[in-house]
Amino acid sequence: MTKRSEEQVYALAKKRVGARKDFTLHMVVYLVVNALLICLWLFVSGRGFPWFVFPLGGWGIGLVSHYFFSRSV
């Protein structure tokens, strides 16, 4: 096992906290924007074709990959 200095441990912890904060911000923006898209679909489109699933799913794939990346840091 490798012994790390206190500075290395602090730098790693700072990097992990930053990655988790970035993911949390990404998730909040995802939820807000997609909620707005769903509301737009409900009130403007007259509940026609559910087009909002395309940005929801595509962006969701990116969000899931961001989650796994932030956990691996």
PDB file of N, CA and C in Angstrom:
ATOM      1  N   MET A   1       0.840  -1.177   0.000  1.00  0.00           N
ATOM      2  CA  MET A   1       0.000   0.000   0.000  1.00  0.00           C
ATOM      3  C   MET A   1       0.888   1.245   0.000  1.00  0.00           C
ATOM      4  N   THR A   2       0.495   2.248  -0.732  1.00  0.00           N
ATOM      5  CA  THR A   2       1.276   3.468  -0.844  1.00  0.00           C
ATOM      6  C   THR A   2       0.894   4.445   0.257  1.00  0.00           C
ATOM      7  N   LYS A   3       1.902   5.003   0.884  1.00  0.00           N
ATOM      8  CA  LYS A   3       1.649   5.998   1.918  1.00  0.00           C
ATOM      9  C   LYS A   3       1.614   7.371   1.256  1.00  0.00           C
ATOM     10  N   ARG A   4       0.540   8.103   1.498  1.00  0.00           N
ATOM     11  CA  ARG A   4       0.374   9.415   0.888  1.00  0.00           C
ATOM     12  C   ARG A   4       0.600  10.503   1.933  1.00  0.00           C
ATOM     13  N   SER A   5       1.133  11.615   1.451  1.00  0.00           N
ATOM     14  CA  SER A   5       1.329  12.739   2.349  1.00  0.00           C
ATOM     15  C   SER A   5      -0.022  13.416   2.607  1.00  0.00           C
ATOM     16  N   GLU A   6      -0.039  14.261   3.612  1.00  0.00           N
ATOM     17  CA  GLU A   6      -1.271  14.959   3.962  1.00  0.00           C
ATOM     18  C   GLU A   6      -1.729  15.863   2.812  1.00  0.00           C
ATOM     19  N   GLU A   7      -0.786  16.448   2.100  1.00  0.00           N
ATOM     20  CA  GLU A   7      -1.123  17.312   0.964  1.00  0.00           C
ATOM     21  C   GLU A   7      -1.758  16.513  -0.174  1.00  0.00           C
ATOM     22  N   GLN A   8      -1.252  15.305  -0.412  1.00  0.00           N
ATOM     23  CA  GLN A   8      -1.816  14.461  -1.460  1.00  0.00           C
ATOM     24  C   GLN A   8      -3.232  14.025  -1.106  1.00  0.00           C
ATOM     25  N   VAL A   9      -3.449  13.687   0.151  1.00  0.00           N
ATOM     26  CA  VAL A   9      -4.780  13.275   0.611  1.00  0.00           C
ATOM     27  C   VAL A   9      -5.746  14.446   0.481  1.00  0.00           C
ATOM     28  N   TYR A  10      -5.301  15.647   0.859  1.00  0.00           N
ATOM     29  CA  TYR A  10      -6.148  16.831   0.751  1.00  0.00           C
ATOM     30  C   TYR A  10      -6.484  17.122  -0.707  1.00  0.00           C
ATOM     31  N   ALA A  11      -5.507  17.023  -1.598  1.00  0.00           N
ATOM     32  CA  ALA A  11      -5.736  17.286  -3.020  1.00  0.00           C
ATOM     33  C   ALA A  11      -6.729  16.279  -3.604  1.00  0.00           C
ATOM     34  N   LEU A  12      -6.596  15.020  -3.222  1.00  0.00           N
ATOM     35  CA  LEU A  12      -7.520  13.992  -3.702  1.00  0.00           C
ATOM     36  C   LEU A  12      -8.930  14.235  -3.177  1.00  0.00           C
ATOM     37  N   ALA A  13      -9.048  14.584  -1.903  1.00  0.00           N
ATOM     38  CA  ALA A  13     -10.365  14.869  -1.320  1.00  0.00           C
ATOM     39  C   ALA A  13     -10.999  16.083  -1.998  1.00  0.00           C
ATOM     40  N   LYS A  14     -10.201  17.095  -2.268  1.00  0.00           N
ATOM     41  CA  LYS A  14     -10.702  18.294  -2.939  1.00  0.00           C
ATOM     42  C   LYS A  14     -11.197  17.957  -4.348  1.00  0.00           C
ATOM     43  N   LYS A  15     -10.473  17.101  -5.038  1.00  0.00           N
ATOM     44  CA  LYS A  15     -10.865  16.679  -6.379  1.00  0.00           C
ATOM     45  C   LYS A  15     -12.178  15.900  -6.342  1.00  0.00           C
ATOM     46  N   ARG A  16     -12.330  15.012  -5.357  1.00  0.00           N
ATOM     47  CA  ARG A  16     -13.561  14.226  -5.232  1.00  0.00           C
ATOM     48  C   ARG A  16     -14.764  15.098  -4.899  1.00  0.00           C
ATOM     49  N   VAL A  17     -14.568  16.047  -3.993  1.00  0.00           N
ATOM     50  CA  VAL A  17     -15.664  16.947  -3.637  1.00  0.00           C
ATOM     51  C   VAL A  17     -16.061  17.787  -4.845  1.00  0.00           C
ATOM     52  N   GLY A  18     -15.087  18.254  -5.601  1.00  0.00           N
ATOM     53  CA  GLY A  18     -15.377  19.026  -6.805  1.00  0.00           C
ATOM     54  C   GLY A  18     -16.149  18.212  -7.828  1.00  0.00           C
ATOM     55  N   ALA A  19     -15.777  16.958  -8.004  1.00  0.00           N
ATOM     56  CA  ALA A  19     -16.467  16.086  -8.958  1.00  0.00           C
ATOM     57  C   ALA A  19     -17.909  15.845  -8.521  1.00  0.00           C
ATOM     58  N   ARG A  20     -18.133  15.666  -7.241  1.00  0.00           N
ATOM     59  CA  ARG A  20     -19.499  15.440  -6.748  1.00  0.00           C
ATOM     60  C   ARG A  20     -20.342  16.701  -6.858  1.00  0.00           C
ATOM     61  N   LYS A  21     -19.734  17.861  -6.603  1.00  0.00           N
ATOM     62  CA  LYS A  21     -20.465  19.121  -6.753  1.00  0.00           C
ATOM     63  C   LYS A  21     -20.837  19.347  -8.213  1.00  0.00           C
ATOM     64  N   ASP A  22     -19.921  19.053  -9.115  1.00  0.00           N
ATOM     65  CA  ASP A  22     -20.203  19.197 -10.541  1.00  0.00           C
ATOM     66  C   ASP A  22     -21.351  18.283 -10.961  1.00  0.00           C
ATOM     67  N   PHE A  23     -21.341  17.051 -10.475  1.00  0.00           N
ATOM     68  CA  PHE A  23     -22.422  16.127 -10.814  1.00  0.00           C
ATOM     69  C   PHE A  23     -23.748  16.606 -10.249  1.00  0.00           C
ATOM     70  N   THR A  24     -23.741  17.085  -9.019  1.00  0.00           N
ATOM     71  CA  THR A  24     -24.973  17.564  -8.400  1.00  0.00           C
ATOM     72  C   THR A  24     -25.560  18.732  -9.188  1.00  0.00           C
ATOM     73  N   LEU A  25     -24.715  19.651  -9.610  1.00  0.00           N
ATOM     74  CA  LEU A  25     -25.180  20.768 -10.426  1.00  0.00           C
ATOM     75  C   LEU A  25     -25.755  20.267 -11.749  1.00  0.00           C
ATOM     76  N   HIS A  26     -25.080  19.323 -12.379  1.00  0.00           N
ATOM     77  CA  HIS A  26     -25.547  18.743 -13.639  1.00  0.00           C
ATOM     78  C   HIS A  26     -26.921  18.110 -13.446  1.00  0.00           C
ATOM     79  N   MET A  27     -27.111  17.380 -12.343  1.00  0.00           N
ATOM     80  CA  MET A  27     -28.376  16.713 -12.088  1.00  0.00           C
ATOM     81  C   MET A  27     -29.500  17.719 -11.844  1.00  0.00           C
ATOM     82  N   VAL A  28     -29.221  18.794 -11.105  1.00  0.00           N
ATOM     83  CA  VAL A  28     -30.241  19.806 -10.835  1.00  0.00           C
ATOM     84  C   VAL A  28     -30.675  20.482 -12.138  1.00  0.00           C
ATOM     85  N   VAL A  29     -29.708  20.842 -12.976  1.00  0.00           N
ATOM     86  CA  VAL A  29     -30.037  21.468 -14.261  1.00  0.00           C
ATOM     87  C   VAL A  29     -30.838  20.500 -15.123  1.00  0.00           C
ATOM     88  N   TYR A  30     -30.444  19.232 -15.141  1.00  0.00           N
ATOM     89  CA  TYR A  30     -31.178  18.206 -15.892  1.00  0.00           C
ATOM     90  C   TYR A  30     -32.634  18.135 -15.442  1.00  0.00           C
ATOM     91  N   LEU A  31     -32.852  18.093 -14.141  1.00  0.00           N
ATOM     92  CA  LEU A  31     -34.214  17.976 -13.615  1.00  0.00           C
ATOM     93  C   LEU A  31     -35.047  19.215 -13.920  1.00  0.00           C
ATOM     94  N   VAL A  32     -34.470  20.387 -13.746  1.00  0.00           N
ATOM     95  CA  VAL A  32     -35.217  21.629 -13.991  1.00  0.00           C
ATOM     96  C   VAL A  32     -35.568  21.774 -15.471  1.00  0.00           C
ATOM     97  N   VAL A  33     -34.591  21.594 -16.337  1.00  0.00           N
ATOM     98  CA  VAL A  33     -34.832  21.764 -17.773  1.00  0.00           C
ATOM     99  C   VAL A  33     -35.826  20.734 -18.279  1.00  0.00           C
ATOM    100  N   ASN A  34     -35.676  19.490 -17.870  1.00  0.00           N
ATOM    101  CA  ASN A  34     -36.598  18.466 -18.352  1.00  0.00           C
ATOM    102  C   ASN A  34     -37.991  18.628 -17.761  1.00  0.00           C
ATOM    103  N   ALA A  35     -38.104  19.132 -16.542  1.00  0.00           N
ATOM    104  CA  ALA A  35     -39.431  19.439 -15.992  1.00  0.00           C
ATOM    105  C   ALA A  35     -40.095  20.539 -16.821  1.00  0.00           C
ATOM    106  N   LEU A  36     -39.313  21.538 -17.221  1.00  0.00           N
ATOM    107  CA  LEU A  36     -39.858  22.597 -18.074  1.00  0.00           C
ATOM    108  C   LEU A  36     -40.275  22.055 -19.444  1.00  0.00           C
ATOM    109  N   LEU A  37     -39.487  21.162 -19.999  1.00  0.00           N
ATOM    110  CA  LEU A  37     -39.849  20.567 -21.283  1.00  0.00           C
ATOM    111  C   LEU A  37     -41.139  19.749 -21.183  1.00  0.00           C
ATOM    112  N   ILE A  38     -41.291  19.030 -20.091  1.00  0.00           N
ATOM    113  CA  ILE A  38     -42.511  18.245 -19.900  1.00  0.00           C
ATOM    114  C   ILE A  38     -43.708  19.170 -19.725  1.00  0.00           C
ATOM    115  N   CYS A  39     -43.540  20.252 -18.970  1.00  0.00           N
ATOM    116  CA  CYS A  39     -44.632  21.226 -18.817  1.00  0.00           C
ATOM    117  C   CYS A  39     -44.976  21.860 -20.154  1.00  0.00           C
ATOM    118  N   LEU A  40     -43.976  22.167 -20.935  1.00  0.00           N
ATOM    119  CA  LEU A  40     -44.197  22.725 -22.265  1.00  0.00           C
ATOM    120  C   LEU A  40     -45.005  21.755 -23.119  1.00  0.00           C
ATOM    121  N   TRP A  41     -44.642  20.502 -23.057  1.00  0.00           N
ATOM    122  CA  TRP A  41     -45.372  19.471 -23.805  1.00  0.00           C
ATOM    123  C   TRP A  41     -46.822  19.372 -23.326  1.00  0.00           C
ATOM    124  N   LEU A  42     -47.012  19.393 -22.003  1.00  0.00           N
ATOM    125  CA  LEU A  42     -48.364  19.254 -21.448  1.00  0.00           C
ATOM    126  C   LEU A  42     -49.275  20.414 -21.835  1.00  0.00           C
ATOM    127  N   PHE A  43     -48.753  21.625 -21.739  1.00  0.00           N
ATOM    128  CA  PHE A  43     -49.614  22.794 -21.879  1.00  0.00           C
ATOM    129  C   PHE A  43     -49.638  23.391 -23.281  1.00  0.00           C
ATOM    130  N   VAL A  44     -48.627  23.153 -24.089  1.00  0.00           N
ATOM    131  CA  VAL A  44     -48.578  23.765 -25.416  1.00  0.00           C
ATOM    132  C   VAL A  44     -48.917  22.755 -26.511  1.00  0.00           C
ATOM    133  N   SER A  45     -48.357  21.578 -26.412  1.00  0.00           N
ATOM    134  CA  SER A  45     -48.538  20.595 -27.481  1.00  0.00           C
ATOM    135  C   SER A  45     -49.881  19.889 -27.436  1.00  0.00           C
ATOM    136  N   GLY A  46     -50.625  20.093 -26.402  1.00  0.00           N
ATOM    137  CA  GLY A  46     -51.918  19.415 -26.295  1.00  0.00           C
ATOM    138  C   GLY A  46     -51.785  17.919 -26.087  1.00  0.00           C
ATOM    139  N   ARG A  47     -50.723  17.520 -25.445  1.00  0.00           N
ATOM    140  CA  ARG A  47     -50.467  16.100 -25.142  1.00  0.00           C
ATOM    141  C   ARG A  47     -50.405  15.245 -26.400  1.00  0.00           C
ATOM    142  N   GLY A  48     -49.774  15.787 -27.415  1.00  0.00           N
ATOM    143  CA  GLY A  48     -49.577  15.023 -28.644  1.00  0.00           C
ATOM    144  C   GLY A  48     -48.432  14.044 -28.461  1.00  0.00           C
ATOM    145  N   PHE A  49     -47.616  13.922 -29.490  1.00  0.00           N
ATOM    146  CA  PHE A  49     -46.476  13.011 -29.437  1.00  0.00           C
ATOM    147  C   PHE A  49     -45.522  13.435 -28.318  1.00  0.00           C
ATOM    148  N   PRO A  50     -45.111  12.521 -27.462  1.00  0.00           N
ATOM    149  CA  PRO A  50     -44.242  12.879 -26.329  1.00  0.00           C
ATOM    150  C   PRO A  50     -42.774  13.081 -26.756  1.00  0.00           C
ATOM    151  N   TRP A  51     -42.518  14.189 -27.421  1.00  0.00           N
ATOM    152  CA  TRP A  51     -41.199  14.482 -27.966  1.00  0.00           C
ATOM    153  C   TRP A  51     -40.152  14.723 -26.888  1.00  0.00           C
ATOM    154  N   PHE A  52     -40.595  15.051 -25.680  1.00  0.00           N
ATOM    155  CA  PHE A  52     -39.647  15.358 -24.597  1.00  0.00           C
ATOM    156  C   PHE A  52     -38.799  14.159 -24.187  1.00  0.00           C
ATOM    157  N   VAL A  53     -39.221  12.950 -24.561  1.00  0.00           N
ATOM    158  CA  VAL A  53     -38.451  11.765 -24.168  1.00  0.00           C
ATOM    159  C   VAL A  53     -37.084  11.711 -24.850  1.00  0.00           C
ATOM    160  N   PHE A  54     -36.951  12.355 -26.010  1.00  0.00           N
ATOM    161  CA  PHE A  54     -35.668  12.321 -26.705  1.00  0.00           C
ATOM    162  C   PHE A  54     -34.590  13.114 -25.975  1.00  0.00           C
ATOM    163  N   PRO A  55     -34.837  14.387 -25.614  1.00  0.00           N
ATOM    164  CA  PRO A  55     -33.808  15.073 -24.819  1.00  0.00           C
ATOM    165  C   PRO A  55     -33.655  14.458 -23.425  1.00  0.00           C
ATOM    166  N   LEU A  56     -34.763  13.970 -22.863  1.00  0.00           N
ATOM    167  CA  LEU A  56     -34.709  13.351 -21.542  1.00  0.00           C
ATOM    168  C   LEU A  56     -33.795  12.122 -21.556  1.00  0.00           C
ATOM    169  N   GLY A  57     -33.972  11.269 -22.554  1.00  0.00           N
ATOM    170  CA  GLY A  57     -33.161  10.052 -22.644  1.00  0.00           C
ATOM    171  C   GLY A  57     -31.723  10.316 -23.046  1.00  0.00           C
ATOM    172  N   GLY A  58     -31.525  11.183 -24.041  1.00  0.00           N
ATOM    173  CA  GLY A  58     -30.165  11.484 -24.488  1.00  0.00           C
ATOM    174  C   GLY A  58     -29.334  12.140 -23.408  1.00  0.00           C
ATOM    175  N   TRP A  59     -29.916  13.134 -22.771  1.00  0.00           N
ATOM    176  CA  TRP A  59     -29.215  13.832 -21.701  1.00  0.00           C
ATOM    177  C   TRP A  59     -29.060  12.907 -20.497  1.00  0.00           C
ATOM    178  N   GLY A  60     -30.042  12.026 -20.289  1.00  0.00           N
ATOM    179  CA  GLY A  60     -29.959  11.066 -19.187  1.00  0.00           C
ATOM    180  C   GLY A  60     -28.767  10.133 -19.324  1.00  0.00           C
ATOM    181  N   ILE A  61     -28.459   9.745 -20.559  1.00  0.00           N
ATOM    182  CA  ILE A  61     -27.277   8.904 -20.794  1.00  0.00           C
ATOM    183  C   ILE A  61     -26.018   9.660 -20.385  1.00  0.00           C
ATOM    184  N   GLY A  62     -25.948  10.931 -20.759  1.00  0.00           N
ATOM    185  CA  GLY A  62     -24.806  11.753 -20.362  1.00  0.00           C
ATOM    186  C   GLY A  62     -24.724  11.925 -18.860  1.00  0.00           C
ATOM    187  N   LEU A  63     -25.864  12.071 -18.207  1.00  0.00           N
ATOM    188  CA  LEU A  63     -25.900  12.228 -16.757  1.00  0.00           C
ATOM    189  C   LEU A  63     -25.416  10.961 -16.053  1.00  0.00           C
ATOM    190  N   VAL A  64     -25.832   9.816 -16.549  1.00  0.00           N
ATOM    191  CA  VAL A  64     -25.387   8.543 -15.956  1.00  0.00           C
ATOM    192  C   VAL A  64     -23.885   8.368 -16.114  1.00  0.00           C
ATOM    193  N   SER A  65     -23.358   8.711 -17.290  1.00  0.00           N
ATOM    194  CA  SER A  65     -21.901   8.598 -17.476  1.00  0.00           C
ATOM    195  C   SER A  65     -21.167   9.594 -16.586  1.00  0.00           C
ATOM    196  N   HIS A  66     -21.731  10.782 -16.391  1.00  0.00           N
ATOM    197  CA  HIS A  66     -21.123  11.758 -15.489  1.00  0.00           C
ATOM    198  C   HIS A  66     -21.114  11.220 -14.056  1.00  0.00           C
ATOM    199  N   TYR A  67     -22.187  10.537 -13.661  1.00  0.00           N
ATOM    200  CA  TYR A  67     -22.252   9.939 -12.326  1.00  0.00           C
ATOM    201  C   TYR A  67     -21.118   8.933 -12.124  1.00  0.00           C
ATOM    202  N   PHE A  68     -20.955   8.027 -13.086  1.00  0.00           N
ATOM    203  CA  PHE A  68     -19.912   7.021 -12.940  1.00  0.00           C
ATOM    204  C   PHE A  68     -18.523   7.635 -12.962  1.00  0.00           C
ATOM    205  N   PHE A  69     -18.327   8.676 -13.764  1.00  0.00           N
ATOM    206  CA  PHE A  69     -17.045   9.364 -13.780  1.00  0.00           C
ATOM    207  C   PHE A  69     -16.773  10.034 -12.437  1.00  0.00           C
ATOM    208  N   SER A  70     -17.786  10.685 -11.868  1.00  0.00           N
ATOM    209  CA  SER A  70     -17.581  11.387 -10.603  1.00  0.00           C
ATOM    210  C   SER A  70     -17.339  10.404  -9.450  1.00  0.00           C
ATOM    211  N   ARG A  71     -17.846   9.194  -9.576  1.00  0.00           N
ATOM    212  CA  ARG A  71     -17.602   8.184  -8.530  1.00  0.00           C
ATOM    213  C   ARG A  71     -16.213   7.554  -8.665  1.00  0.00           C
ATOM    214  N   SER A  72     -15.638   7.605  -9.853  1.00  0.00           N
ATOM    215  CA  SER A  72     -14.336   6.967 -10.054  1.00  0.00           C
ATOM    216  C   SER A  72     -13.165   7.884  -9.729  1.00  0.00           C
ATOM    217  N   VAL A  73     -13.452   9.156  -9.492  1.00  0.00           N
ATOM    218  CA  VAL A  73     -12.363  10.107  -9.200  1.00  0.00           C
ATOM    219  C   VAL A  73     -11.824   9.858  -7.831  1.00  0.00           C
TER     220      VAL A  73
END
